[in-house]
């Protein structure tokens, strides 16, 4: 019996040990898997946390700005059903108004200080070359934008079937194209520099009433004979002679006037002139150059602190504009195709043509460059003012895209004044749309006139919201279209103005990148300057003055050799 039981007990023992080893094995495996999963999740969570922290550190302000635009649109459409009073809308839009005032406050010191400090540090020849390339590029892109707009409006034909409805602006004096061009030239040379900071010259038309003489009245006025029944006897009719006095003749006289807008063009030309002269003055102009550099640095520090208010102000700025707009459904039915035509032209010009120019001229990825400008584009969308967006655009170029400070300080203020690609495209489309509504056929010569006039009128447009409506009159009168029909497109102008401002800002920024690439040999980066200083330090002291130009000396302090501008130097310095 014992012999029979021994094998059974041995078998049970072996089975028990096998089971125990299996349990231990799986328990060990489970613990290893658990530790692996925990370590994996901890690593992923740590990586995700680090990535999120780095992303919001680099793009936190941009994310907040985009969310504020979306939130402002949603809030504006939700509050439209409440039918707020006009006074309540003013109170609601107050934070957005503060944002606009804050940005406009920085325009004048930024333009003057940036232009003076940048041009004073440039060589006159390099500055002239850069200015010529910049203005030529701006005019070329503006003309291309006009051509794109004309092709699209002729292909889509948005004015077909559109009826003239709504209130029409009463017929009044219309400024001629010649007066508008002369006003542009007058504003380039302001008579009073202080007045240029808050107003600009504009010709005003004053009606002059001229009564007609008696001979003109008797000769030209018609007489009417009426047969009236007699009061006492209705069967008897007697003739009544009625003489009509014609209305007096009204002539419009041009007199000097002004508008409450900053004369940015005049300030730009004055600041550029002073900057060039400061560069030629040498050491005598150094104090004023230092002041301009300090002012520019202070403005940039103010911008760095104020940008965190922008997301809050954008919400109320966008929602306040939506509260003021008309019925979106009615506007969409009337002007939907017109808005689609304008947006299509802006999309083609901003996403295809401008990046293509950038790629051809710089051989760099344009969309990587545009990524650094997203903050400025969002501000342009919210404020609808290229001049107000100028501080943010300069901040993005200097910090995100690494553009030379001297180039950015020159190209951006000039671009914010004369480079209006979106406005030129919009004016060309609007003029041909109004002609289509009036069933007015335009020939090739009139299309050429519109393209040239829209390009010239956009240069004189101020960098403020809805400034294109003012210069639109010039384009319409150039081909004989009624200026009163501007009221047809006013309903959607506030929305389209934001998108064309984005294209204006994008064109300025891309121009700065192109000019920086073309003129890179004229502006040595700081690293090369340090290498040049190191090479000079290794030379014998007797050979250092031989490298100096006639307006520079080298000052030796310890082991450091620095280049200092000077008006005179004598033999002792050699």
Protein backbone atom coordinates (compact mmCIF):
# COMPACT_ATOMS: atom_id res chain seq x y z
CA UNK A 1 0.00 0.00 0.00
CA UNK A 2 2.84 2.33 0.85
CA UNK A 3 4.48 1.49 -2.40
CA UNK A 4 1.28 2.34 -4.18
CA UNK A 5 0.86 5.68 -2.33
CA UNK A 6 4.39 6.97 -2.82
CA UNK A 7 4.07 7.62 -6.52
CA UNK A 8 0.78 9.42 -5.96
CA UNK A 9 2.21 11.73 -3.31
CA UNK A 10 5.21 12.45 -5.51
CA UNK A 11 2.92 13.29 -8.38
CA UNK A 12 0.85 15.63 -6.20
CA UNK A 13 3.96 17.32 -4.91
CA UNK A 14 5.24 17.83 -8.41
CA UNK A 15 1.92 19.25 -9.51
CA UNK A 16 1.79 21.60 -6.54
CA UNK A 17 5.30 22.89 -7.19
CA UNK A 18 4.46 23.34 -10.86
CA UNK A 19 1.33 25.33 -10.01
CA UNK A 20 3.21 27.42 -7.47
CA UNK A 21 5.95 28.22 -9.94
CA UNK A 22 3.34 29.14 -12.57
CA UNK A 23 1.57 31.53 -10.16
CA UNK A 24 4.85 33.13 -9.17
CA UNK A 25 5.81 33.45 -12.80
CA UNK A 26 2.57 35.16 -13.83
CA UNK A 27 2.59 37.34 -10.74
CA UNK A 28 6.11 38.45 -11.60
CA UNK A 29 5.06 39.08 -15.20
CA UNK A 30 2.06 41.12 -14.09
CA UNK A 31 4.20 43.21 -11.77
CA UNK A 32 6.71 43.80 -14.56
CA UNK A 33 3.95 44.80 -16.96
CA UNK A 34 2.43 47.07 -14.32
CA UNK A 35 5.75 48.75 -13.66
CA UNK A 36 6.37 49.09 -17.39
CA UNK A 37 2.95 50.64 -18.01
CA UNK A 38 3.36 53.00 -15.07
CA UNK A 39 6.81 54.07 -16.21
CA UNK A 40 5.54 54.45 -19.79
CA UNK A 41 2.59 56.59 -18.75
CA UNK A 42 4.75 58.62 -16.43
CA UNK A 43 7.21 59.25 -19.25
CA UNK A 44 4.43 60.13 -21.68
CA UNK A 45 2.71 62.34 -19.15
CA UNK A 46 5.99 64.08 -18.40
CA UNK A 47 6.67 64.55 -22.12
CA UNK A 48 3.13 65.76 -22.74
CA UNK A 49 3.36 68.17 -19.84
CA UNK A 50 6.70 69.49 -21.04
CA UNK A 51 5.38 69.83 -24.61
CA UNK A 52 2.27 71.67 -23.43
CA UNK A 53 4.33 73.99 -21.26
CA UNK A 54 6.68 74.76 -24.12
CA UNK A 55 3.79 75.24 -26.58
CA UNK A 56 1.92 77.69 -24.37
CA UNK A 57 5.15 79.48 -23.58
CA UNK A 58 5.77 80.08 -27.29
CA UNK A 59 2.18 80.33 -28.57
CA UNK A 60 0.09 81.09 -25.50
CA UNK A 61 -0.70 84.66 -26.51
CA UNK A 62 -1.53 83.58 -30.05
CA UNK A 63 -3.87 80.86 -28.77
CA UNK A 64 -5.63 83.32 -26.49
CA UNK A 65 -6.02 85.81 -29.34
CA UNK A 66 -7.57 83.22 -31.67
CA UNK A 67 -9.92 82.03 -28.94
CA UNK A 68 -10.88 85.63 -28.19
CA UNK A 69 -11.84 86.23 -31.84
CA UNK A 70 -14.00 83.09 -31.86
CA UNK A 71 -15.48 83.96 -28.48
CA UNK A 72 -16.22 87.51 -29.59
CA UNK A 73 -18.12 86.26 -32.66
CA UNK A 74 -20.18 83.83 -30.58
CA UNK A 75 -20.90 86.43 -27.90
CA UNK A 76 -21.91 89.03 -30.48
CA UNK A 77 -24.41 86.73 -32.22
CA UNK A 78 -25.85 85.59 -28.89
CA UNK A 79 -26.41 89.17 -27.73
CA UNK A 80 -28.11 90.24 -30.97
CA UNK A 81 -31.36 88.67 -29.76
CA UNK A 82 -31.39 90.89 -26.67
CA UNK A 83 -31.91 94.08 -28.75
CA UNK A 84 -29.55 96.21 -26.68
CA UNK A 85 -29.94 99.97 -26.81
CA UNK A 86 -27.33 102.18 -28.48
CA UNK A 87 -26.06 103.36 -25.10
CA UNK A 88 -25.72 99.78 -23.88
CA UNK A 89 -23.74 98.88 -27.00
CA UNK A 90 -21.36 101.77 -26.32
CA UNK A 91 -20.80 100.58 -22.74
CA UNK A 92 -20.35 97.00 -23.91
CA UNK A 93 -17.74 97.97 -26.52
CA UNK A 94 -15.71 100.08 -24.08
CA UNK A 95 -12.91 97.48 -23.48
CA UNK A 96 -12.49 97.15 -27.24
CA UNK A 97 -12.32 100.93 -27.59
CA UNK A 98 -9.51 100.98 -25.02
CA UNK A 99 -7.61 98.45 -27.13
CA UNK A 100 -7.85 100.65 -30.24
CA UNK A 101 -6.81 103.76 -28.33
CA UNK A 102 -3.88 101.91 -26.81
CA UNK A 103 -2.61 100.81 -30.21
CA UNK A 104 -3.12 104.21 -31.85
CA UNK A 105 -1.21 105.84 -28.98
CA UNK A 106 1.94 103.94 -30.00
CA UNK A 107 1.81 104.71 -33.74
CA UNK A 108 3.45 108.16 -33.68
CA UNK A 109 6.41 107.42 -31.35
CA UNK A 110 7.02 104.07 -33.06
CA UNK A 111 7.14 105.50 -36.60
CA UNK A 112 9.33 108.49 -35.77
CA UNK A 113 11.78 106.67 -33.52
CA UNK A 114 12.10 103.59 -35.72
CA UNK A 115 12.71 105.51 -38.95
CA UNK A 116 15.16 107.99 -37.43
CA UNK A 117 17.19 105.37 -35.56
CA UNK A 118 17.31 102.89 -38.44
CA UNK A 119 18.18 105.30 -41.25
CA UNK A 120 20.79 107.11 -39.17
CA UNK A 121 22.71 103.83 -38.78
CA UNK A 122 22.68 103.05 -42.53
CA UNK A 123 25.01 104.03 -45.29
CA UNK A 124 23.40 106.52 -47.66
CA UNK A 125 23.99 104.29 -50.67
CA UNK A 126 22.60 101.18 -48.97
CA UNK A 127 19.61 103.15 -47.71
CA UNK A 128 18.82 104.47 -51.18
CA UNK A 129 19.08 100.99 -52.68
CA UNK A 130 16.83 99.52 -50.00
CA UNK A 131 14.27 102.32 -50.40
CA UNK A 132 14.13 101.91 -54.17
CA UNK A 133 13.66 98.13 -53.92
CA UNK A 134 11.02 98.51 -51.20
CA UNK A 135 8.86 101.03 -53.06
CA UNK A 136 9.19 99.12 -56.35
CA UNK A 137 8.12 95.88 -54.67
CA UNK A 138 5.16 97.58 -52.97
CA UNK A 139 3.90 99.10 -56.21
CA UNK A 140 4.33 95.81 -58.08
CA UNK A 141 2.39 93.71 -55.52
CA UNK A 142 -0.36 96.34 -55.31
CA UNK A 143 -0.78 96.34 -59.08
CA UNK A 144 -0.87 92.53 -59.13
CA UNK A 145 -3.60 92.57 -56.47
CA UNK A 146 -5.67 94.91 -58.63
CA UNK A 147 -5.26 92.62 -61.66
CA UNK A 148 -6.39 89.60 -59.61
CA UNK A 149 -9.48 91.49 -58.43
CA UNK A 150 -10.43 92.62 -61.95
CA UNK A 151 -10.08 89.09 -63.37
CA UNK A 152 -12.24 87.59 -60.62
CA UNK A 153 -15.01 90.18 -60.77
CA UNK A 154 -15.23 89.85 -64.54
CA UNK A 155 -15.33 86.05 -64.30
CA UNK A 156 -17.81 85.72 -61.40
CA UNK A 157 -19.95 88.74 -62.37
CA UNK A 158 -21.42 89.33 -58.88
CA UNK A 159 -23.42 92.41 -59.89
CA UNK A 160 -25.75 90.45 -62.16
CA UNK A 161 -29.30 90.53 -60.81
CA UNK A 162 -28.46 92.82 -57.89
CA UNK A 163 -31.05 95.53 -57.38
CA UNK A 164 -30.55 98.96 -55.93
CA UNK A 165 -32.32 98.83 -52.60
CA UNK A 166 -32.02 100.65 -49.36
CA UNK A 167 -31.26 104.24 -48.65
CA UNK A 168 -29.20 106.10 -51.21
CA UNK A 169 -26.82 108.83 -50.31
CA UNK A 170 -28.05 112.17 -51.57
CA UNK A 171 -26.27 113.66 -54.55
CA UNK A 172 -23.64 116.10 -53.42
CA UNK A 173 -20.23 117.39 -54.39
CA UNK A 174 -17.77 114.73 -55.50
CA UNK A 175 -14.02 115.26 -55.27
CA UNK A 176 -12.24 114.83 -58.58
CA UNK A 177 -9.29 112.53 -59.09
CA UNK A 178 -7.00 115.50 -59.67
CA UNK A 179 -7.92 117.02 -56.28
CA UNK A 180 -7.32 113.68 -54.55
CA UNK A 181 -3.89 113.32 -56.17
CA UNK A 182 -2.93 116.87 -55.23
CA UNK A 183 -4.06 116.23 -51.64
CA UNK A 184 -1.79 113.18 -51.54
CA UNK A 185 1.20 115.27 -52.65
CA UNK A 186 0.30 118.07 -50.19
CA UNK A 187 0.18 115.58 -47.32
CA UNK A 188 3.70 114.44 -48.19
CA UNK A 189 4.92 117.91 -47.16
CA UNK A 190 2.81 119.04 -44.15
CA UNK A 191 2.83 122.77 -43.50
CA UNK A 192 2.66 122.22 -39.74
CA UNK A 193 4.34 119.15 -38.28
CA UNK A 194 2.34 119.37 -35.05
CA UNK A 195 -0.95 119.39 -36.96
CA UNK A 196 0.23 116.37 -38.96
CA UNK A 197 0.09 114.29 -35.79
CA UNK A 198 -3.70 114.56 -35.58
CA UNK A 199 -5.06 115.83 -38.90
CA UNK A 200 -4.26 115.89 -42.61
CA UNK A 201 -5.03 118.17 -45.53
CA UNK A 202 -8.16 117.48 -47.55
CA UNK A 203 -9.82 119.63 -50.18
CA UNK A 204 -13.39 120.62 -49.34
CA UNK A 205 -16.07 121.60 -51.84
CA UNK A 206 -18.28 124.50 -50.76
CA UNK A 207 -21.47 125.32 -52.71
CA UNK A 208 -21.67 128.79 -54.20
CA UNK A 209 -25.21 129.91 -55.10
CA UNK A 210 -25.42 132.15 -58.14
CA UNK A 211 -28.81 133.79 -58.78
CA UNK A 212 -29.94 134.19 -62.35
CA UNK A 213 -30.43 137.59 -63.90
CA UNK A 214 -33.82 138.95 -65.03
CA UNK A 215 -32.93 138.50 -68.70
CA UNK A 216 -32.05 134.84 -68.09
CA UNK A 217 -35.29 134.30 -66.20
CA UNK A 218 -37.44 135.91 -68.92
CA UNK A 219 -35.60 134.17 -71.72
CA UNK A 220 -35.22 130.74 -70.30
CA UNK A 221 -38.11 130.30 -67.86
CA UNK A 222 -41.30 128.75 -69.26
CA UNK A 223 -44.69 130.40 -68.79
CA UNK A 224 -47.79 128.35 -68.25
CA UNK A 225 -51.43 129.36 -68.94
CA UNK A 226 -54.11 127.65 -66.87
CA UNK A 227 -57.89 127.90 -67.40
CA UNK A 228 -59.50 128.31 -63.97
CA UNK A 229 -63.28 128.43 -63.23
CA UNK A 230 -64.65 131.69 -61.90
CA UNK A 231 -65.53 131.75 -58.18
CA UNK A 232 -68.94 133.39 -58.64
CA UNK A 233 -69.97 131.63 -61.84
CA UNK A 234 -68.32 128.20 -62.35
CA UNK A 235 -69.55 128.05 -65.95
CA UNK A 236 -67.28 130.96 -66.84
CA UNK A 237 -63.58 130.11 -67.19
CA UNK A 238 -60.82 132.67 -67.14
CA UNK A 239 -57.15 132.26 -68.07
CA UNK A 240 -54.45 132.45 -65.38
CA UNK A 241 -50.82 133.11 -66.31
CA UNK A 242 -48.19 131.38 -64.12
CA UNK A 243 -44.53 132.36 -64.35
CA UNK A 244 -42.02 129.87 -62.87
CA UNK A 245 -38.76 131.13 -61.40
CA UNK A 246 -35.95 128.66 -62.15
CA UNK A 247 -33.75 127.44 -59.29
CA UNK A 248 -30.44 129.24 -58.77
CA UNK A 249 -27.29 127.81 -60.25
CA UNK A 250 -25.04 126.03 -57.74
CA UNK A 251 -21.29 125.82 -58.31
CA UNK A 252 -18.81 124.12 -56.01
CA UNK A 253 -15.64 125.91 -55.03
CA UNK A 254 -12.54 124.09 -53.75
CA UNK A 255 -11.16 125.45 -50.48
CA UNK A 256 -8.44 124.15 -48.14
CA UNK A 257 -9.77 121.85 -45.42
CA UNK A 258 -8.68 119.10 -43.08
CA UNK A 259 -9.82 115.76 -41.72
CA UNK A 260 -9.26 114.33 -38.25
CA UNK A 261 -6.79 111.64 -39.28
CA UNK A 262 -3.08 111.39 -38.60
CA UNK A 263 -0.99 112.41 -41.60
CA UNK A 264 1.14 109.27 -41.52
CA UNK A 265 2.61 109.88 -44.98
CA UNK A 266 3.98 113.29 -44.03
CA UNK A 267 5.38 111.99 -40.74
CA UNK A 268 7.10 109.09 -42.52
CA UNK A 269 8.78 111.38 -45.06
CA UNK A 270 9.88 113.87 -42.40
CA UNK A 271 11.24 111.13 -40.12
CA UNK A 272 13.08 109.44 -42.99
CA UNK A 273 14.68 112.74 -44.00
CA UNK A 274 15.81 113.49 -40.45
CA UNK A 275 17.20 109.96 -40.11
CA UNK A 276 19.29 110.26 -43.27
CA UNK A 277 20.67 113.64 -42.18
CA UNK A 278 21.50 112.33 -38.71
CA UNK A 279 23.55 109.58 -40.30
CA UNK A 280 25.58 112.13 -42.27
CA UNK A 281 26.14 114.40 -39.25
CA UNK A 282 28.26 111.79 -37.50
CA UNK A 283 29.08 112.46 -33.86
CA UNK A 284 27.03 115.65 -33.70
CA UNK A 285 23.82 113.70 -34.38
CA UNK A 286 24.59 110.92 -31.92
CA UNK A 287 22.59 112.41 -28.99
CA UNK A 288 19.37 112.59 -30.99
CA UNK A 289 19.96 109.09 -32.38
CA UNK A 290 20.37 107.78 -28.83
CA UNK A 291 17.11 109.46 -27.83
CA UNK A 292 15.30 107.82 -30.76
CA UNK A 293 16.73 104.42 -29.88
CA UNK A 294 15.66 104.81 -26.27
CA UNK A 295 12.14 105.86 -27.31
CA UNK A 296 11.89 102.89 -29.67
CA UNK A 297 13.02 100.49 -26.97
CA UNK A 298 10.52 101.96 -24.49
CA UNK A 299 7.70 101.57 -27.04
CA UNK A 300 8.59 97.91 -27.58
CA UNK A 301 8.60 97.32 -23.80
CA UNK A 302 5.16 98.92 -23.57
CA UNK A 303 3.97 96.61 -26.34
CA UNK A 304 5.33 93.54 -24.54
CA UNK A 305 3.35 94.50 -21.47
CA UNK A 306 0.17 95.55 -23.30
CA UNK A 307 -0.19 92.45 -25.47
CA UNK A 308 -1.67 90.52 -22.56
CA UNK A 309 -4.65 92.87 -22.56
CA UNK A 310 -5.32 92.25 -26.24
CA UNK A 311 -7.28 88.95 -25.90
CA UNK A 312 -9.66 90.59 -23.43
CA UNK A 313 -10.15 93.68 -25.59
CA UNK A 314 -10.58 91.66 -28.80
CA UNK A 315 -13.63 89.86 -27.38
CA UNK A 316 -15.54 93.10 -26.87
CA UNK A 317 -14.18 94.75 -30.01
CA UNK A 318 -15.40 91.96 -32.30
CA UNK A 319 -18.70 91.37 -30.50
CA UNK A 320 -19.43 95.11 -30.49
CA UNK A 321 -19.05 95.27 -34.28
CA UNK A 322 -21.34 92.28 -34.70
CA UNK A 323 -23.99 94.00 -32.56
CA UNK A 324 -23.89 97.03 -34.87
CA UNK A 325 -24.22 95.10 -38.14
CA UNK A 326 -27.46 94.74 -40.08
CA UNK A 327 -29.43 91.55 -40.54
CA UNK A 328 -26.82 89.01 -41.76
CA UNK A 329 -29.38 87.02 -43.75
CA UNK A 330 -30.61 90.05 -45.69
CA UNK A 331 -27.07 91.28 -46.32
CA UNK A 332 -26.01 87.81 -47.49
CA UNK A 333 -28.84 87.63 -50.02
CA UNK A 334 -27.95 91.01 -51.53
CA UNK A 335 -24.17 91.05 -51.38
CA UNK A 336 -23.19 87.41 -50.88
CA UNK A 337 -21.57 86.94 -54.30
CA UNK A 338 -19.80 90.28 -53.99
CA UNK A 339 -18.31 89.27 -50.63
CA UNK A 340 -17.27 85.87 -52.03
CA UNK A 341 -15.52 87.59 -54.94
CA UNK A 342 -13.54 89.89 -52.65
CA UNK A 343 -12.60 87.10 -50.24
CA UNK A 344 -11.53 84.85 -53.12
CA UNK A 345 -9.26 87.56 -54.49
CA UNK A 346 -7.74 88.21 -51.08
CA UNK A 347 -7.20 84.47 -50.57
CA UNK A 348 -5.46 84.06 -53.93
CA UNK A 349 -3.26 87.09 -53.39
CA UNK A 350 -2.38 86.33 -49.77
CA UNK A 351 -1.99 82.54 -49.90
CA UNK A 352 -0.67 81.99 -53.43
CA UNK A 353 0.89 85.10 -54.99
CA UNK A 354 2.68 86.72 -52.04
CA UNK A 355 4.17 83.43 -50.71
CA UNK A 356 5.23 82.58 -54.26
CA UNK A 357 7.08 85.90 -54.57
CA UNK A 358 8.73 85.22 -51.20
CA UNK A 359 9.77 81.71 -52.25
CA UNK A 360 11.21 82.84 -55.58
CA UNK A 361 13.21 85.71 -54.12
CA UNK A 362 14.47 84.13 -50.89
CA UNK A 363 14.41 80.35 -51.58
CA UNK A 364 12.87 79.86 -48.12
CA UNK A 365 9.64 78.31 -46.88
CA UNK A 366 7.11 81.17 -46.82
CA UNK A 367 4.61 79.41 -44.55
CA UNK A 368 7.22 78.89 -41.85
CA UNK A 369 7.84 82.62 -42.05
CA UNK A 370 4.11 83.38 -41.94
CA UNK A 371 3.76 81.20 -38.84
CA UNK A 372 5.74 83.78 -36.91
CA UNK A 373 3.28 86.49 -38.02
CA UNK A 374 0.07 84.85 -36.79
CA UNK A 375 -0.18 87.12 -33.76
CA UNK A 376 -0.04 90.24 -35.95
CA UNK A 377 -2.59 88.78 -38.39
CA UNK A 378 -5.05 88.08 -35.57
CA UNK A 379 -4.67 91.64 -34.27
CA UNK A 380 -5.22 92.96 -37.81
CA UNK A 381 -8.38 90.87 -38.10
CA UNK A 382 -9.70 92.28 -34.83
CA UNK A 383 -8.70 95.94 -35.16
CA UNK A 384 -9.10 96.42 -38.94
CA UNK A 385 -6.22 98.92 -38.91
CA UNK A 386 -2.78 98.30 -40.38
CA UNK A 387 -1.35 101.32 -38.56
CA UNK A 388 -2.66 100.08 -35.21
CA UNK A 389 -1.19 96.63 -35.93
CA UNK A 390 2.23 98.10 -36.73
CA UNK A 391 3.68 97.66 -33.19
CA UNK A 392 2.66 93.99 -33.08
CA UNK A 393 3.98 93.35 -36.59
CA UNK A 394 7.35 94.78 -35.67
CA UNK A 395 7.44 92.68 -32.49
CA UNK A 396 6.72 89.49 -34.47
CA UNK A 397 9.40 90.22 -37.08
CA UNK A 398 12.09 91.00 -34.53
CA UNK A 399 11.37 88.19 -32.08
CA UNK A 400 9.94 85.36 -34.20
CA UNK A 401 11.49 85.79 -37.64
CA UNK A 402 14.83 87.38 -36.76
CA UNK A 403 14.62 90.27 -39.24
CA UNK A 404 17.34 92.88 -38.93
CA UNK A 405 16.15 95.69 -36.70
CA UNK A 406 17.21 98.41 -39.13
CA UNK A 407 15.33 96.86 -42.02
CA UNK A 408 12.15 96.25 -40.01
CA UNK A 409 12.16 99.82 -38.71
CA UNK A 410 12.22 101.16 -42.27
CA UNK A 411 10.14 98.71 -44.29
CA UNK A 412 7.18 98.35 -41.91
CA UNK A 413 6.33 102.06 -41.37
CA UNK A 414 6.63 102.73 -45.09
CA UNK A 415 4.52 99.66 -45.88
CA UNK A 416 1.83 100.63 -43.38
CA UNK A 417 1.56 103.94 -45.27
CA UNK A 418 1.74 103.05 -48.97
CA UNK A 419 1.37 99.26 -49.27
CA UNK A 420 -2.36 98.51 -49.39
CA UNK A 421 -2.71 95.37 -51.51
CA UNK A 422 -6.03 94.34 -50.00
CA UNK A 423 -7.48 97.84 -50.28
CA UNK A 424 -6.48 98.14 -53.95
CA UNK A 425 -8.04 94.76 -54.79
CA UNK A 426 -11.20 95.69 -52.89
CA UNK A 427 -11.57 99.04 -54.66
CA UNK A 428 -11.16 97.51 -58.11
CA UNK A 429 -13.74 94.80 -57.38
CA UNK A 430 -16.18 97.30 -55.86
CA UNK A 431 -15.93 99.72 -58.80
CA UNK A 432 -16.65 97.02 -61.39
CA UNK A 433 -19.42 95.58 -59.18
CA UNK A 434 -21.15 98.98 -59.09
CA UNK A 435 -20.79 99.20 -62.87
CA UNK A 436 -22.43 95.77 -63.23
CA UNK A 437 -25.30 96.79 -60.95
CA UNK A 438 -25.90 99.87 -63.12
CA UNK A 439 -25.63 97.69 -66.28
CA UNK A 440 -22.72 99.83 -67.41
CA UNK A 441 -20.35 98.09 -69.82
CA UNK A 442 -16.68 98.89 -69.25
CA UNK A 443 -14.26 98.74 -72.16
CA UNK A 444 -10.59 97.80 -71.97
CA UNK A 445 -9.43 101.39 -71.57
CA UNK A 446 -11.71 101.93 -68.59
CA UNK A 447 -10.45 98.71 -66.98
CA UNK A 448 -6.89 99.99 -67.35
CA UNK A 449 -8.01 103.29 -65.82
CA UNK A 450 -9.53 101.44 -62.87
CA UNK A 451 -6.36 99.41 -62.32
CA UNK A 452 -4.10 102.47 -62.33
CA UNK A 453 -6.48 104.60 -60.26
CA UNK A 454 -7.06 101.87 -57.67
CA UNK A 455 -3.29 101.42 -57.28
CA UNK A 456 -2.75 105.16 -56.82
CA UNK A 457 -5.76 105.60 -54.53
CA UNK A 458 -4.69 102.78 -52.22
CA UNK A 459 -1.38 104.57 -51.61
CA UNK A 460 -3.26 107.55 -50.24
CA UNK A 461 -5.62 105.46 -48.10
CA UNK A 462 -5.14 105.92 -44.38
CA UNK A 463 -4.34 102.89 -42.25
CA UNK A 464 -7.61 103.20 -40.31
CA UNK A 465 -10.84 101.17 -40.37
CA UNK A 466 -12.93 101.56 -43.55
CA UNK A 467 -10.55 104.07 -45.12
CA UNK A 468 -11.12 102.40 -48.49
CA UNK A 469 -14.60 103.94 -48.75
CA UNK A 470 -13.04 107.41 -48.84
CA UNK A 471 -10.67 106.65 -51.70
CA UNK A 472 -13.36 104.63 -53.49
CA UNK A 473 -14.81 107.90 -54.80
CA UNK A 474 -11.62 108.51 -56.78
CA UNK A 475 -11.91 105.18 -58.58
CA UNK A 476 -15.61 105.62 -59.37
CA UNK A 477 -15.30 109.15 -60.73
CA UNK A 478 -12.36 108.15 -62.94
CA UNK A 479 -14.68 106.06 -65.14
CA UNK A 480 -17.86 108.12 -64.71
CA UNK A 481 -19.68 105.88 -62.23
CA UNK A 482 -22.07 107.42 -59.66
CA UNK A 483 -20.32 107.99 -56.35
CA UNK A 484 -23.64 107.68 -54.49
CA UNK A 485 -23.70 103.94 -55.15
CA UNK A 486 -21.02 103.40 -52.51
CA UNK A 487 -24.00 102.90 -50.19
CA UNK A 488 -24.61 99.55 -51.93
CA UNK A 489 -21.53 97.97 -50.35
CA UNK A 490 -21.43 99.71 -46.96
CA UNK A 491 -23.34 96.85 -45.31
CA UNK A 492 -20.47 94.36 -45.76
CA UNK A 493 -17.55 96.78 -45.79
CA UNK A 494 -16.88 96.46 -42.04
CA UNK A 495 -16.35 92.68 -42.38
CA UNK A 496 -14.34 92.73 -45.61
CA UNK A 497 -12.20 95.53 -44.21
CA UNK A 498 -10.80 93.14 -41.61
CA UNK A 499 -9.69 90.57 -44.15
CA UNK A 500 -8.08 93.10 -46.49
CA UNK A 501 -6.22 94.55 -43.49
CA UNK A 502 -4.79 91.09 -42.86
CA UNK A 503 -3.51 91.01 -46.44
CA UNK A 504 -2.00 94.49 -46.04
CA UNK A 505 -0.14 93.44 -42.88
CA UNK A 506 0.96 90.15 -44.48
CA UNK A 507 2.31 92.01 -47.52
CA UNK A 508 4.32 94.40 -45.29
CA UNK A 509 5.84 91.54 -43.30
CA UNK A 510 6.74 89.44 -46.34
CA UNK A 511 8.29 92.51 -47.94
CA UNK A 512 10.53 92.91 -44.88
CA UNK A 513 11.71 89.31 -45.27
CA UNK A 514 12.41 89.78 -48.98
CA UNK A 515 14.26 93.08 -48.48
CA UNK A 516 16.26 91.51 -45.65
CA UNK A 517 17.38 88.72 -48.01
CA UNK A 518 18.18 90.99 -50.96
CA UNK A 519 20.05 93.60 -48.90
CA UNK A 520 21.78 91.12 -46.57
CA UNK A 521 25.22 92.13 -47.87
CA UNK A 522 24.60 95.76 -46.99
CA UNK A 523 23.78 94.98 -43.36
CA UNK A 524 26.27 92.83 -41.50
CA UNK A 525 24.79 90.81 -38.63
CA UNK A 526 26.06 91.32 -35.13
CA UNK A 527 28.10 88.08 -35.14
CA UNK A 528 30.15 89.22 -38.12
CA UNK A 529 30.74 92.56 -36.49
CA UNK A 530 32.10 90.82 -33.38
CA UNK A 531 34.42 88.73 -35.56
CA UNK A 532 35.60 91.89 -37.26
CA UNK A 533 36.34 93.44 -33.86
CA UNK A 534 38.27 90.33 -32.80
CA UNK A 535 40.34 90.48 -35.99
CA UNK A 536 41.15 94.11 -35.31
CA UNK A 537 42.22 93.31 -31.77
CA UNK A 538 44.85 90.87 -33.08
CA UNK A 539 46.50 93.53 -35.25
CA UNK A 540 49.42 95.65 -34.04
CA UNK A 541 48.46 98.96 -32.53
CA UNK A 542 50.38 100.83 -35.21
CA UNK A 543 48.22 99.37 -37.98
CA UNK A 544 44.79 99.95 -36.44
CA UNK A 545 44.43 103.64 -37.54
CA UNK A 546 45.19 102.66 -41.11
CA UNK A 547 41.91 100.71 -41.23
CA UNK A 548 39.83 103.63 -40.04
CA UNK A 549 37.84 105.78 -42.43
CA UNK A 550 38.06 109.51 -42.31
CA UNK A 551 34.99 109.79 -40.06
CA UNK A 552 35.85 107.04 -37.56
CA UNK A 553 38.50 106.42 -34.91
CA UNK A 554 39.26 103.38 -32.76
CA UNK A 555 39.22 103.81 -29.01
CA UNK A 556 41.35 101.40 -26.91
CA UNK A 557 40.18 100.64 -23.38
CA UNK A 558 42.25 97.86 -21.86
CA UNK A 559 42.17 94.91 -24.25
CA UNK A 560 39.03 96.12 -26.05
CA UNK A 561 39.12 98.10 -29.29
CA UNK A 562 35.87 99.88 -30.18
CA UNK A 563 34.98 101.88 -33.29
CA UNK A 564 33.73 105.38 -32.52
CA UNK A 565 32.44 107.96 -35.05
CA UNK A 566 34.33 111.21 -35.05
CA UNK A 567 34.28 114.44 -36.97
CA UNK A 568 37.99 115.22 -36.62
CA UNK A 569 41.10 113.29 -35.66
CA UNK A 570 44.69 114.44 -35.32
CA UNK A 571 48.17 112.96 -35.47
CA UNK A 572 48.14 112.14 -31.75
CA UNK A 573 45.38 109.60 -32.34
CA UNK A 574 47.53 107.95 -35.04
